[in-house]
Amino acid sequence: MLDEARAGAAEGLVVVADHQTAGRGRLGRTWVALPGSSLLVSVLFRPRALEAGHLLTTAVALAACDACERVAGVAPDLKWPNDLLVDDRKLGGILAEAEGHAIVVGLGLNVNWTSGAPEGAVALNQLAGRDVDQAALLDELLLSLDVRHGAPDLMDAYRARCSTIGLRLRVELAGGDLAGTAVEIDDDGALVVEVDGERRRVLAGDVVHVRPA
């Protein structure tokens, strides 16, 4: 998709893959998606201001949640900054990459797994108790994205669905870990963490939810 962005492809281009052998996540992590097991889709945006890129990932995240509810009857939570969770198990992830004045937002969603899930992960069919129609899921994702993209209440909708807010957590940063309580997601998409009575804004980092024993 980044090649298409460099070549001048128009906003709204959607690319779907059946499987991945070297999927990319945050911090250069990789994963494999077997044929037919996951919804793997990338959408090309050309926003006026790249600073608003967090709104694009937010719109895709909420659209993915809408699609899961409508097609599979599953209502995921959102974990800051880019994961879909059900009962703390990862259902999907989102990654945005910039290329010039374009942003490509990719979604990987676990849909139909034929064997057990790795620890900490889950697929829609395991939650719904049946196979899930990936074509219907994609249709609903794009229909919802058309509504969510640019909606004035986008960040409010994200905050309402974000399970990170209110939790004790650890944020893994390049300069060291930050431990505290998540108190807010601000309108810039930053996570606000209260540490010893002081509020700290985090723009990017890996979050580990710390739940009571």
Protein backbone atom coordinates (compact mmCIF):
# COMPACT_ATOMS: atom_id res chain seq x y z
CA MET A 1 0.00 0.00 0.00
CA LEU A 2 2.87 2.42 0.69
CA ASP A 3 4.03 1.90 -2.89
CA GLU A 4 0.58 2.93 -4.12
CA ALA A 5 0.69 5.99 -1.86
CA ARG A 6 4.06 7.00 -3.29
CA ALA A 7 2.67 6.53 -6.80
CA GLY A 8 -0.14 9.00 -6.09
CA ALA A 9 -3.09 6.68 -5.46
CA ALA A 10 -6.24 8.49 -4.40
CA GLU A 11 -7.61 8.59 -0.87
CA GLY A 12 -10.00 5.75 -0.15
CA LEU A 13 -7.97 2.99 -1.78
CA VAL A 14 -8.58 -0.27 0.11
CA VAL A 15 -6.28 -3.29 -0.11
CA VAL A 16 -7.24 -6.66 1.39
CA ALA A 17 -4.93 -9.65 1.88
CA ASP A 18 -5.90 -13.28 2.45
CA HIS A 19 -2.83 -14.08 4.53
CA GLN A 20 0.44 -12.61 5.75
CA THR A 21 3.87 -14.09 6.23
CA ALA A 22 5.58 -10.98 7.61
CA GLY A 23 2.91 -8.73 9.09
CA ARG A 24 4.24 -5.67 10.88
CA GLY A 25 3.22 -4.25 14.22
CA ARG A 26 4.57 -1.68 16.65
CA LEU A 27 8.31 -1.66 17.36
CA GLY A 28 8.98 -3.82 14.31
CA ARG A 29 7.16 -6.87 15.66
CA THR A 30 6.12 -9.44 13.05
CA TRP A 31 3.42 -12.09 12.87
CA VAL A 32 1.98 -14.69 10.52
CA ALA A 33 -1.70 -14.92 9.49
CA LEU A 34 -2.75 -18.18 7.85
CA PRO A 35 -4.96 -18.13 4.73
CA GLY A 36 -8.60 -17.39 5.58
CA SER A 37 -7.93 -16.84 9.28
CA SER A 38 -7.96 -13.05 9.56
CA LEU A 39 -9.31 -9.86 8.06
CA LEU A 40 -6.23 -8.02 6.82
CA VAL A 41 -7.10 -4.65 5.34
CA SER A 42 -5.31 -1.35 4.69
CA VAL A 43 -6.94 1.98 3.86
CA LEU A 44 -5.21 4.97 2.26
CA PHE A 45 -5.97 8.45 3.61
CA ARG A 46 -4.69 11.84 2.47
CA PRO A 47 -5.51 14.14 5.41
CA ARG A 48 -4.93 17.87 5.23
CA ALA A 49 -2.85 17.76 8.41
CA LEU A 50 -0.71 14.75 9.33
CA GLU A 51 -0.99 15.89 12.96
CA ALA A 52 -4.55 14.53 12.85
CA GLY A 53 -3.35 11.02 12.07
CA HIS A 54 -4.59 9.71 15.42
CA LEU A 55 -8.14 10.50 14.30
CA LEU A 56 -7.74 8.11 11.37
CA THR A 57 -6.61 5.18 13.54
CA THR A 58 -9.41 6.02 15.98
CA ALA A 59 -11.99 5.96 13.17
CA VAL A 60 -10.73 2.58 11.91
CA ALA A 61 -10.69 1.16 15.45
CA LEU A 62 -14.28 2.19 16.12
CA ALA A 63 -15.43 0.99 12.69
CA ALA A 64 -13.83 -2.39 13.40
CA CYS A 65 -15.72 -2.60 16.70
CA ASP A 66 -18.96 -1.71 14.92
CA ALA A 67 -18.38 -4.45 12.34
CA CYS A 68 -17.63 -7.06 15.02
CA GLU A 69 -20.89 -6.22 16.80
CA ARG A 70 -23.07 -6.21 13.70
CA VAL A 71 -21.68 -9.34 12.05
CA ALA A 72 -20.51 -11.53 14.96
CA GLY A 73 -22.39 -10.14 17.96
CA VAL A 74 -19.07 -9.42 19.69
CA ALA A 75 -18.39 -6.04 21.34
CA PRO A 76 -14.64 -5.44 21.75
CA ASP A 77 -13.00 -2.92 24.03
CA LEU A 78 -10.24 -0.63 22.80
CA LYS A 79 -6.87 -0.64 24.50
CA TRP A 80 -4.79 2.49 23.99
CA PRO A 81 -3.31 3.08 21.51
CA ASN A 82 -4.17 0.46 18.89
CA ASP A 83 -5.62 -2.87 20.07
CA LEU A 84 -9.08 -4.47 20.10
CA LEU A 85 -9.62 -6.63 23.18
CA VAL A 86 -12.25 -9.00 24.53
CA ASP A 87 -11.77 -9.90 28.20
CA ASP A 88 -8.16 -8.70 27.96
CA ARG A 89 -7.46 -11.03 25.03
CA LYS A 90 -6.25 -9.44 21.81
CA LEU A 91 -8.72 -9.66 18.95
CA GLY A 92 -7.03 -7.24 16.57
CA GLY A 93 -4.48 -4.50 16.11
CA ILE A 94 -4.10 -1.33 14.08
CA LEU A 95 -0.97 0.28 12.66
CA ALA A 96 -0.65 3.61 10.85
CA GLU A 97 2.27 4.48 8.57
CA ALA A 98 2.94 7.82 6.89
CA GLU A 99 4.27 8.27 3.38
CA GLY A 100 4.67 11.89 2.37
CA HIS A 101 1.23 13.48 2.76
CA ALA A 102 -0.50 10.10 2.92
CA ILE A 103 -1.31 7.85 5.87
CA VAL A 104 -1.98 4.14 5.48
CA VAL A 105 -3.96 2.57 8.32
CA GLY A 106 -3.77 -1.21 8.50
CA LEU A 107 -6.06 -3.50 10.49
CA GLY A 108 -5.42 -7.12 11.41
CA LEU A 109 -8.48 -8.80 12.93
CA ASN A 110 -8.58 -12.43 14.11
CA VAL A 111 -11.68 -13.95 12.49
CA ASN A 112 -11.78 -17.71 11.86
CA TRP A 113 -9.18 -19.79 13.67
CA THR A 114 -9.31 -23.57 13.33
CA SER A 115 -7.05 -24.31 16.28
CA GLY A 116 -6.53 -22.95 19.78
CA ALA A 117 -5.50 -19.35 20.27
CA PRO A 118 -2.06 -18.32 21.53
CA GLU A 119 -2.01 -17.07 25.10
CA GLY A 120 -3.56 -13.62 25.32
CA ALA A 121 -5.30 -13.79 21.91
CA VAL A 122 -8.74 -14.77 20.60
CA ALA A 123 -10.65 -14.92 17.30
CA LEU A 124 -14.20 -13.88 16.47
CA ASN A 125 -15.38 -17.41 15.67
CA GLN A 126 -14.24 -18.60 19.08
CA LEU A 127 -16.30 -15.86 20.73
CA ALA A 128 -19.35 -16.17 18.48
CA GLY A 129 -19.41 -19.97 18.48
CA ARG A 130 -19.60 -20.07 14.67
CA ASP A 131 -17.66 -19.12 11.57
CA VAL A 132 -17.83 -15.42 10.72
CA ASP A 133 -18.36 -14.13 7.18
CA GLN A 134 -15.25 -12.10 6.35
CA ALA A 135 -16.85 -10.41 3.32
CA ALA A 136 -19.74 -9.19 5.47
CA LEU A 137 -17.26 -8.05 8.11
CA LEU A 138 -15.33 -6.03 5.53
CA ASP A 139 -18.52 -4.48 4.15
CA GLU A 140 -19.63 -3.37 7.61
CA LEU A 141 -16.17 -2.06 8.44
CA LEU A 142 -16.11 0.19 5.37
CA LEU A 143 -19.71 1.35 5.83
CA SER A 144 -19.01 2.30 9.44
CA LEU A 145 -15.69 3.94 8.54
CA ASP A 146 -17.54 6.19 6.10
CA VAL A 147 -19.65 7.40 9.04
CA ARG A 148 -16.94 7.49 11.70
CA HIS A 149 -14.32 9.30 9.57
CA GLY A 150 -14.61 12.99 10.38
CA ALA A 151 -17.41 12.61 12.92
CA PRO A 152 -17.34 15.42 15.51
CA ASP A 153 -17.83 13.02 18.43
CA LEU A 154 -15.05 10.64 17.37
CA MET A 155 -12.80 11.06 20.41
CA ASP A 156 -15.76 10.92 22.81
CA ALA A 157 -16.81 7.62 21.21
CA TYR A 158 -13.26 6.31 21.57
CA ARG A 159 -13.05 7.28 25.23
CA ALA A 160 -16.38 5.57 25.92
CA ARG A 161 -14.99 2.33 24.51
CA CYS A 162 -11.44 2.52 25.87
CA SER A 163 -10.80 0.00 28.64
CA THR A 164 -7.43 1.60 29.48
CA ILE A 165 -9.00 4.62 31.19
CA GLY A 166 -9.17 4.18 34.95
CA LEU A 167 -6.73 1.27 35.11
CA ARG A 168 -3.39 0.95 36.82
CA LEU A 169 -0.85 0.35 34.09
CA ARG A 170 2.74 0.30 33.02
CA VAL A 171 3.81 2.17 29.89
CA GLU A 172 6.97 0.83 28.31
CA LEU A 173 8.92 3.76 26.85
CA ALA A 174 12.32 4.05 25.21
CA GLY A 175 13.66 5.96 28.22
CA GLY A 176 12.22 3.61 30.84
CA ASP A 177 8.88 2.40 32.15
CA LEU A 178 6.17 4.70 33.50
CA ALA A 179 3.77 3.29 36.11
CA GLY A 180 0.57 4.99 37.18
CA THR A 181 -3.17 5.29 36.57
CA ALA A 182 -4.66 6.16 33.18
CA VAL A 183 -7.00 9.09 33.78
CA GLU A 184 -7.79 10.38 30.29
CA ILE A 185 -7.30 10.21 26.54
CA ASP A 186 -7.06 13.82 25.39
CA ASP A 187 -8.29 15.22 22.07
CA ASP A 188 -4.80 14.84 20.58
CA GLY A 189 -4.97 11.10 21.24
CA ALA A 190 -2.42 11.21 24.05
CA LEU A 191 -2.77 8.98 27.10
CA VAL A 192 -2.76 10.99 30.33
CA VAL A 193 -1.22 9.03 33.21
CA GLU A 194 -1.28 10.13 36.83
CA VAL A 195 2.00 9.31 38.57
CA ASP A 196 2.36 10.28 42.24
CA GLY A 197 -0.18 13.07 41.85
CA GLU A 198 1.41 14.42 38.65
CA ARG A 199 -0.20 14.05 35.24
CA ARG A 200 2.01 12.92 32.37
CA ARG A 201 1.05 12.88 28.67
CA VAL A 202 2.17 9.86 26.63
CA LEU A 203 1.97 10.08 22.84
CA ALA A 204 3.32 6.61 22.06
CA GLY A 205 4.28 3.53 24.02
CA ASP A 206 3.42 -0.06 24.86
CA VAL A 207 0.81 -0.34 27.61
CA VAL A 208 0.44 -3.22 30.06
CA HIS A 209 -2.81 -3.21 32.04
CA VAL A 210 -2.20 -4.06 35.69
CA ARG A 211 -5.36 -5.59 37.15
CA PRO A 212 -5.91 -6.46 40.81
CA ALA A 213 -4.85 -9.98 41.76
